[in-house]
Structures are given as structure tokens and as C-alpha cells.
Amino acid sequence: MRKLVTPVTGPLKGEVEEVDHNLQTTERETPSESLGTVQKETITMAILTIILLVSTAFALGDGMIRPKTPCEIARDTAMKNVRPGVYVPMCDNDGQYKPEQCSGSTGYCWCVNSSGQKIPGTETPPGIAPIICSTQNGTIRPKTPCEDARDAATHGPIGAYIPTCDAAGRYTPEQCWGSTGYCWCVNSSGQKIQGTETPPGTARINCSIK
């Protein structure tokens, strides 16, 4: 005797539809989760923008902060055309001319004004202490007659008499000739005072009272 099998349709179909609906509901983000994702993306974009701006600022460097000064332009131009004897200007941290400029190839030094122009009477040869170009009151003292004579004699023949100057550039009262050992007294103009010369090995006259 055969048994009739009744197909199950209604309940099974409903159960399948319910399971599928539950899966779709589970995979969907809630409104709060969607808002959190948007906020994260916004923060990430803001951070990337800041990093880009900072990197651009570093890449541009000081060239965008201030233009080159005349001293920096002159210095860079001289360095591009470096040849023996070429003078290369020296600039400070602000790009201004340093008060004292020197030529590395010749050893000469001199004072300059704010435009980099040499101040007459301030040039000193190599081996001679350079003039103090920057002072507290901003004034620069040109070389004195004693300093001029001393600097000229330094480049003279071996054994020549070289005048001695004090800190203010004046002739010291007593002058001596190193190669001969003779000493004598001078006036404020550096002229020898008669009767004051002493040979080497003898007591010298006290020139400070002359």
C-alpha cells in the first residue's frame, strides 16, 4: 500500500525568506557606524592635508620667507665664478655685509659700510692686526699715520725700520730698530728727537718724560 507524501511548501518558503532577511539586516551598517566611518575619513584627510602643507613649506625653504640680500647675491655670484684672486663677500646670518671683509687669496682685510663699499683708510695687509670695524657706537676709525707707516714698512726690505704704534694708533714715545738694536725717542709725529738715540747694549733714555 503506497503512502502519499505531501510536499512542504508554505512554511519552508517563509523560513527561507526570514533567514535571508536576517542576513541582509546583519550585513547592513547601523546609522551610528556609518557616521563613525565618515568622521574617520574626514580626520584622515585633514591629517594628510596638514602633512602636505608642512612638507611644502620645508621644500620651499627660506627663499619664500625673504628674498636674497645684495650681499648674498654678490657672494653667490662670486662663488659660481671662483677663480684665483676672486674676492668672495662675507655675509652675516641676516644676509648683511659683515663689517670686516677679507680677501682669502691676498690676506688683505678692510672695513665696509652697510652697502659693502670699502671705507678708505681701513685696509690692512696680511700679518698685521686688522682694524676693529664694528664698535659699540658704530663708528670706524681709519688708520693713523703711524699705522700707515708701519704697514708700508712691513712690506719693505728685510731689516728695515718698522715704526711701533700704540693701541690708539699713535707713535710710541720710544722707537727701536730691531735689526740694528738702536733706540730713540720720537715726538707725536714720529720724528726723532735729537740726542736721544742709544746704541745696542747701553742704557736707554726714558722717552716718556721727553
C-alpha atoms as a PDB file:
ATOM      1  CA  MET A   1       0.000   0.000   0.000  1.00  0.00           C
ATOM      2  CA  ARG A   2       1.516   3.323  -1.105  1.00  0.00           C
ATOM      3  CA  LYS A   3       1.887   6.328   1.230  1.00  0.00           C
ATOM      4  CA  LEU A   4       1.125   9.755  -0.156  1.00  0.00           C
ATOM      5  CA  VAL A   5       3.857  12.363   0.570  1.00  0.00           C
ATOM      6  CA  THR A   6       2.534  15.874   0.908  1.00  0.00           C
ATOM      7  CA  PRO A   7       5.083  18.482  -0.331  1.00  0.00           C
ATOM      8  CA  VAL A   8       6.039  21.091   2.210  1.00  0.00           C
ATOM      9  CA  THR A   9       5.848  24.497   0.545  1.00  0.00           C
ATOM     10  CA  GLY A  10       4.425  27.277   2.672  1.00  0.00           C
ATOM     11  CA  PRO A  11       6.286  27.048   5.932  1.00  0.00           C
ATOM     12  CA  LEU A  12       9.671  26.237   4.331  1.00  0.00           C
ATOM     13  CA  LYS A  13       9.453  29.120   1.933  1.00  0.00           C
ATOM     14  CA  GLY A  14       8.632  31.521   4.709  1.00  0.00           C
ATOM     15  CA  GLU A  15      11.514  30.306   6.787  1.00  0.00           C
ATOM     16  CA  VAL A  16      13.944  30.820   3.877  1.00  0.00           C
ATOM     17  CA  GLU A  17      12.700  34.352   3.310  1.00  0.00           C
ATOM     18  CA  GLU A  18      13.057  35.129   7.010  1.00  0.00           C
ATOM     19  CA  VAL A  19      16.634  33.811   7.135  1.00  0.00           C
ATOM     20  CA  ASP A  20      17.599  35.838   4.043  1.00  0.00           C
ATOM     21  CA  HIS A  21      16.090  38.985   5.570  1.00  0.00           C
ATOM     22  CA  ASN A  22      18.026  38.417   8.786  1.00  0.00           C
ATOM     23  CA  LEU A  23      21.305  38.045   6.865  1.00  0.00           C
ATOM     24  CA  GLN A  24      20.739  41.289   4.954  1.00  0.00           C
ATOM     25  CA  THR A  25      19.916  43.090   8.175  1.00  0.00           C
ATOM     26  CA  THR A  26      23.085  41.772   9.822  1.00  0.00           C
ATOM     27  CA  GLU A  27      25.352  42.887   6.929  1.00  0.00           C
ATOM     28  CA  ARG A  28      23.988  46.427   6.884  1.00  0.00           C
ATOM     29  CA  GLU A  29      25.752  49.166   8.938  1.00  0.00           C
ATOM     30  CA  THR A  30      23.805  50.996  11.531  1.00  0.00           C
ATOM     31  CA  PRO A  31      23.475  54.834  11.233  1.00  0.00           C
ATOM     32  CA  SER A  32      25.965  55.343  14.087  1.00  0.00           C
ATOM     33  CA  GLU A  33      28.523  53.094  12.398  1.00  0.00           C
ATOM     34  CA  SER A  34      28.133  54.994   9.109  1.00  0.00           C
ATOM     35  CA  LEU A  35      28.673  58.326  10.891  1.00  0.00           C
ATOM     36  CA  GLY A  36      31.813  56.983  12.580  1.00  0.00           C
ATOM     37  CA  THR A  37      33.257  55.901   9.231  1.00  0.00           C
ATOM     38  CA  VAL A  38      32.662  59.363   7.727  1.00  0.00           C
ATOM     39  CA  GLN A  39      34.330  61.057  10.706  1.00  0.00           C
ATOM     40  CA  LYS A  40      37.376  58.794  10.407  1.00  0.00           C
ATOM     41  CA  GLU A  41      37.716  59.585   6.707  1.00  0.00           C
ATOM     42  CA  THR A  42      37.398  63.332   7.410  1.00  0.00           C
ATOM     43  CA  ILE A  43      40.086  63.231  10.111  1.00  0.00           C
ATOM     44  CA  THR A  44      42.395  61.233   7.849  1.00  0.00           C
ATOM     45  CA  MET A  45      42.006  63.769   5.022  1.00  0.00           C
ATOM     46  CA  ALA A  46      42.693  66.649   7.427  1.00  0.00           C
ATOM     47  CA  ILE A  47      45.901  64.999   8.676  1.00  0.00           C
ATOM     48  CA  LEU A  48      47.081  64.352   5.134  1.00  0.00           C
ATOM     49  CA  THR A  49      46.389  67.990   4.211  1.00  0.00           C
ATOM     50  CA  ILE A  50      48.429  69.257   7.177  1.00  0.00           C
ATOM     51  CA  ILE A  51      51.332  66.949   6.308  1.00  0.00           C
ATOM     52  CA  LEU A  52      51.234  68.174   2.713  1.00  0.00           C
ATOM     53  CA  LEU A  53      51.290  71.832   3.768  1.00  0.00           C
ATOM     54  CA  VAL A  54      54.191  71.295   6.174  1.00  0.00           C
ATOM     55  CA  SER A  55      56.168  69.350   3.572  1.00  0.00           C
ATOM     56  CA  THR A  56      55.588  72.106   1.014  1.00  0.00           C
ATOM     57  CA  ALA A  57      56.775  74.762   3.462  1.00  0.00           C
ATOM     58  CA  PHE A  58      60.010  72.854   4.128  1.00  0.00           C
ATOM     59  CA  ALA A  59      60.527  72.259   0.431  1.00  0.00           C
ATOM     60  CA  LEU A  60      60.170  75.958  -0.375  1.00  0.00           C
ATOM     61  CA  GLY A  61      62.665  76.879   2.341  1.00  0.00           C
ATOM     62  CA  ASP A  62      63.843  80.383   3.206  1.00  0.00           C
ATOM     63  CA  GLY A  63      63.526  81.500  -0.379  1.00  0.00           C
ATOM     64  CA  MET A  64      59.832  82.107   0.197  1.00  0.00           C
ATOM     65  CA  ILE A  65      60.369  83.750   3.571  1.00  0.00           C
ATOM     66  CA  ARG A  66      62.702  86.543   2.431  1.00  0.00           C
ATOM     67  CA  PRO A  67      64.459  87.319  -0.855  1.00  0.00           C
ATOM     68  CA  LYS A  68      68.235  87.236  -1.122  1.00  0.00           C
ATOM     69  CA  THR A  69      70.073  90.341   0.050  1.00  0.00           C
ATOM     70  CA  PRO A  70      72.627  92.219  -2.103  1.00  0.00           C
ATOM     71  CA  CYS A  71      75.420  90.613  -0.067  1.00  0.00           C
ATOM     72  CA  GLU A  72      74.059  87.111  -0.618  1.00  0.00           C
ATOM     73  CA  ILE A  73      73.606  87.761  -4.334  1.00  0.00           C
ATOM     74  CA  ALA A  74      77.185  89.077  -4.647  1.00  0.00           C
ATOM     75  CA  ARG A  75      78.525  86.155  -2.617  1.00  0.00           C
ATOM     76  CA  ASP A  76      76.669  83.515  -4.635  1.00  0.00           C
ATOM     77  CA  THR A  77      77.741  85.134  -7.916  1.00  0.00           C
ATOM     78  CA  ALA A  78      81.393  85.173  -6.827  1.00  0.00           C
ATOM     79  CA  MET A  79      81.228  81.527  -5.726  1.00  0.00           C
ATOM     80  CA  LYS A  80      79.876  80.482  -9.118  1.00  0.00           C
ATOM     81  CA  ASN A  81      82.871  82.116 -10.805  1.00  0.00           C
ATOM     82  CA  VAL A  82      85.576  81.105  -8.352  1.00  0.00           C
ATOM     83  CA  ARG A  83      88.994  81.941  -9.759  1.00  0.00           C
ATOM     84  CA  PRO A  84      92.350  82.586  -8.077  1.00  0.00           C
ATOM     85  CA  GLY A  85      92.253  86.022  -6.507  1.00  0.00           C
ATOM     86  CA  VAL A  86      88.475  86.468  -6.691  1.00  0.00           C
ATOM     87  CA  TYR A  87      87.093  88.184  -3.599  1.00  0.00           C
ATOM     88  CA  VAL A  88      84.032  86.485  -2.097  1.00  0.00           C
ATOM     89  CA  PRO A  89      81.903  88.788   0.126  1.00  0.00           C
ATOM     90  CA  MET A  90      81.123  87.627   3.659  1.00  0.00           C
ATOM     91  CA  CYS A  91      77.525  87.977   4.920  1.00  0.00           C
ATOM     92  CA  ASP A  92      76.100  87.612   8.425  1.00  0.00           C
ATOM     93  CA  ASN A  93      73.122  85.449   9.416  1.00  0.00           C
ATOM     94  CA  ASP A  94      70.706  88.166   8.268  1.00  0.00           C
ATOM     95  CA  GLY A  95      72.352  88.404   4.871  1.00  0.00           C
ATOM     96  CA  GLN A  96      74.004  91.768   5.571  1.00  0.00           C
ATOM     97  CA  TYR A  97      77.626  92.582   4.798  1.00  0.00           C
ATOM     98  CA  LYS A  98      79.949  91.812   7.705  1.00  0.00           C
ATOM     99  CA  PRO A  99      81.734  94.995   8.858  1.00  0.00           C
ATOM    100  CA  GLU A 100      85.103  93.356   8.170  1.00  0.00           C
ATOM    101  CA  GLN A 101      85.811  91.833   4.777  1.00  0.00           C
ATOM    102  CA  CYS A 102      88.935  89.892   3.819  1.00  0.00           C
ATOM    103  CA  SER A 103      90.385  88.504   0.612  1.00  0.00           C
ATOM    104  CA  GLY A 104      91.440  84.925   1.168  1.00  0.00           C
ATOM    105  CA  SER A 105      93.916  84.932  -1.714  1.00  0.00           C
ATOM    106  CA  THR A 106      95.764  88.139  -0.764  1.00  0.00           C
ATOM    107  CA  GLY A 107      95.267  88.228   3.012  1.00  0.00           C
ATOM    108  CA  TYR A 108      94.204  91.875   2.940  1.00  0.00           C
ATOM    109  CA  CYS A 109      91.291  92.944   5.159  1.00  0.00           C
ATOM    110  CA  TRP A 110      89.216  96.116   5.234  1.00  0.00           C
ATOM    111  CA  CYS A 111      86.056  97.630   6.661  1.00  0.00           C
ATOM    112  CA  VAL A 112      82.881  98.183   4.652  1.00  0.00           C
ATOM    113  CA  ASN A 113      79.683 100.145   5.114  1.00  0.00           C
ATOM    114  CA  SER A 114      76.182  98.667   5.019  1.00  0.00           C
ATOM    115  CA  SER A 115      76.299  98.644   1.204  1.00  0.00           C
ATOM    116  CA  GLY A 116      79.531  96.655   1.130  1.00  0.00           C
ATOM    117  CA  GLN A 117      81.628  99.618  -0.041  1.00  0.00           C
ATOM    118  CA  LYS A 118      85.212  99.743   1.262  1.00  0.00           C
ATOM    119  CA  ILE A 119      85.872 102.500   3.809  1.00  0.00           C
ATOM    120  CA  PRO A 120      89.046 104.387   2.835  1.00  0.00           C
ATOM    121  CA  GLY A 121      91.982 104.055   5.211  1.00  0.00           C
ATOM    122  CA  THR A 122      90.852 100.766   6.751  1.00  0.00           C
ATOM    123  CA  GLU A 123      92.726  98.251   4.594  1.00  0.00           C
ATOM    124  CA  THR A 124      95.410  96.213   6.362  1.00  0.00           C
ATOM    125  CA  PRO A 125      97.944  93.849   4.752  1.00  0.00           C
ATOM    126  CA  PRO A 126      98.450  90.233   5.807  1.00  0.00           C
ATOM    127  CA  GLY A 127     100.323  89.730   9.051  1.00  0.00           C
ATOM    128  CA  ILE A 128      99.005  92.984  10.518  1.00  0.00           C
ATOM    129  CA  ALA A 129      96.207  93.056  13.072  1.00  0.00           C
ATOM    130  CA  PRO A 130      93.101  94.269  11.222  1.00  0.00           C
ATOM    131  CA  ILE A 131      91.216  97.353  12.338  1.00  0.00           C
ATOM    132  CA  ILE A 132      88.215  96.731  14.581  1.00  0.00           C
ATOM    133  CA  CYS A 133      85.468  97.554  12.101  1.00  0.00           C
ATOM    134  CA  SER A 134      82.475  97.179  14.407  1.00  0.00           C
ATOM    135  CA  THR A 135      82.389  99.194  17.622  1.00  0.00           C
ATOM    136  CA  GLN A 136      79.700  99.868  20.186  1.00  0.00           C
ATOM    137  CA  ASN A 137      78.866 103.288  18.772  1.00  0.00           C
ATOM    138  CA  GLY A 138      79.050 102.081  15.190  1.00  0.00           C
ATOM    139  CA  THR A 139      81.994 104.316  14.223  1.00  0.00           C
ATOM    140  CA  ILE A 140      85.063 103.074  12.411  1.00  0.00           C
ATOM    141  CA  ARG A 141      88.481 104.606  12.935  1.00  0.00           C
ATOM    142  CA  PRO A 142      90.666 104.967   9.836  1.00  0.00           C
ATOM    143  CA  LYS A 143      94.359 104.149  10.043  1.00  0.00           C
ATOM    144  CA  THR A 144      96.668 106.716  11.611  1.00  0.00           C
ATOM    145  CA  PRO A 145      99.961 107.993  10.082  1.00  0.00           C
ATOM    146  CA  CYS A 146     101.860 105.621  12.373  1.00  0.00           C
ATOM    147  CA  GLU A 147      99.791 102.646  11.240  1.00  0.00           C
ATOM    148  CA  ASP A 148     100.201 103.625   7.593  1.00  0.00           C
ATOM    149  CA  ALA A 149     103.989 103.904   8.017  1.00  0.00           C
ATOM    150  CA  ARG A 150     104.122 100.625   9.912  1.00  0.00           C
ATOM    151  CA  ASP A 151     102.096  98.744   7.314  1.00  0.00           C
ATOM    152  CA  ALA A 152     104.175 100.157   4.463  1.00  0.00           C
ATOM    153  CA  ALA A 153     107.443  99.226   6.203  1.00  0.00           C
ATOM    154  CA  THR A 154     106.191  95.688   6.786  1.00  0.00           C
ATOM    155  CA  HIS A 155     106.327  95.130   3.023  1.00  0.00           C
ATOM    156  CA  GLY A 156     109.692  96.866   2.692  1.00  0.00           C
ATOM    157  CA  PRO A 157     113.145  95.301   2.502  1.00  0.00           C
ATOM    158  CA  ILE A 158     114.354  92.882   5.157  1.00  0.00           C
ATOM    159  CA  GLY A 159     115.866  94.673   8.143  1.00  0.00           C
ATOM    160  CA  ALA A 160     114.043  97.957   7.512  1.00  0.00           C
ATOM    161  CA  TYR A 161     112.902 100.050  10.468  1.00  0.00           C
ATOM    162  CA  ILE A 162     109.245  99.385  11.337  1.00  0.00           C
ATOM    163  CA  PRO A 163     107.506 102.033  13.462  1.00  0.00           C
ATOM    164  CA  THR A 164     105.828 100.963  16.700  1.00  0.00           C
ATOM    165  CA  CYS A 165     102.268 102.219  17.348  1.00  0.00           C
ATOM    166  CA  ASP A 166     100.157 102.081  20.498  1.00  0.00           C
ATOM    167  CA  ALA A 167      96.587 100.785  20.756  1.00  0.00           C
ATOM    168  CA  ALA A 168      95.214 104.124  19.557  1.00  0.00           C
ATOM    169  CA  GLY A 169      97.476 104.119  16.511  1.00  0.00           C
ATOM    170  CA  ARG A 170      99.881 106.796  17.791  1.00  0.00           C
ATOM    171  CA  TYR A 171     103.647 106.562  17.736  1.00  0.00           C
ATOM    172  CA  THR A 172     105.005 105.123  20.968  1.00  0.00           C
ATOM    173  CA  PRO A 173     107.475 107.555  22.617  1.00  0.00           C
ATOM    174  CA  GLU A 174     110.324 105.084  22.211  1.00  0.00           C
ATOM    175  CA  GLN A 175     111.142 103.592  18.830  1.00  0.00           C
ATOM    176  CA  CYS A 176     113.677 100.851  18.170  1.00  0.00           C
ATOM    177  CA  TRP A 177     115.236  99.412  15.045  1.00  0.00           C
ATOM    178  CA  GLY A 178     115.143  95.685  15.516  1.00  0.00           C
ATOM    179  CA  SER A 179     117.894  94.750  13.069  1.00  0.00           C
ATOM    180  CA  THR A 180     120.447  97.267  14.459  1.00  0.00           C
ATOM    181  CA  GLY A 181     119.425  97.425  18.116  1.00  0.00           C
ATOM    182  CA  TYR A 182     119.368 101.251  18.145  1.00  0.00           C
ATOM    183  CA  CYS A 183     116.546 103.015  20.015  1.00  0.00           C
ATOM    184  CA  TRP A 184     115.475 106.681  20.196  1.00  0.00           C
ATOM    185  CA  CYS A 185     112.656 108.934  21.300  1.00  0.00           C
ATOM    186  CA  VAL A 186     110.114 110.489  18.927  1.00  0.00           C
ATOM    187  CA  ASN A 187     107.528 113.250  19.109  1.00  0.00           C
ATOM    188  CA  SER A 188     103.812 112.808  18.395  1.00  0.00           C
ATOM    189  CA  SER A 189     104.545 112.958  14.656  1.00  0.00           C
ATOM    190  CA  GLY A 190     107.093 110.164  14.842  1.00  0.00           C
ATOM    191  CA  GLN A 191     110.059 112.470  14.276  1.00  0.00           C
ATOM    192  CA  LYS A 192     113.271 111.509  16.080  1.00  0.00           C
ATOM    193  CA  ILE A 193     114.228 113.788  18.971  1.00  0.00           C
ATOM    194  CA  GLN A 194     117.860 114.780  18.649  1.00  0.00           C
ATOM    195  CA  GLY A 195     120.258 113.454  21.275  1.00  0.00           C
ATOM    196  CA  THR A 196     118.043 110.550  22.340  1.00  0.00           C
ATOM    197  CA  GLU A 197     119.466 107.763  20.207  1.00  0.00           C
ATOM    198  CA  THR A 198     121.201 104.956  22.094  1.00  0.00           C
ATOM    199  CA  PRO A 199     123.264 102.111  20.602  1.00  0.00           C
ATOM    200  CA  PRO A 200     122.600  98.475  21.466  1.00  0.00           C
ATOM    201  CA  GLY A 201     123.852  97.336  24.856  1.00  0.00           C
ATOM    202  CA  THR A 202     123.616 100.774  26.507  1.00  0.00           C
ATOM    203  CA  ALA A 203     121.025 102.186  28.910  1.00  0.00           C
ATOM    204  CA  ARG A 204     118.160 103.705  27.025  1.00  0.00           C
ATOM    205  CA  ILE A 205     116.713 107.129  27.672  1.00  0.00           C
ATOM    206  CA  ASN A 206     113.310 107.375  29.334  1.00  0.00           C
ATOM    207  CA  CYS A 207     111.329 108.751  26.397  1.00  0.00           C
ATOM    208  CA  SER A 208     108.106 109.208  28.384  1.00  0.00           C
ATOM    209  CA  ILE A 209     109.496 112.380  30.010  1.00  0.00           C
ATOM    210  CA  LYS A 210     110.714 113.936  26.775  1.00  0.00           C
END
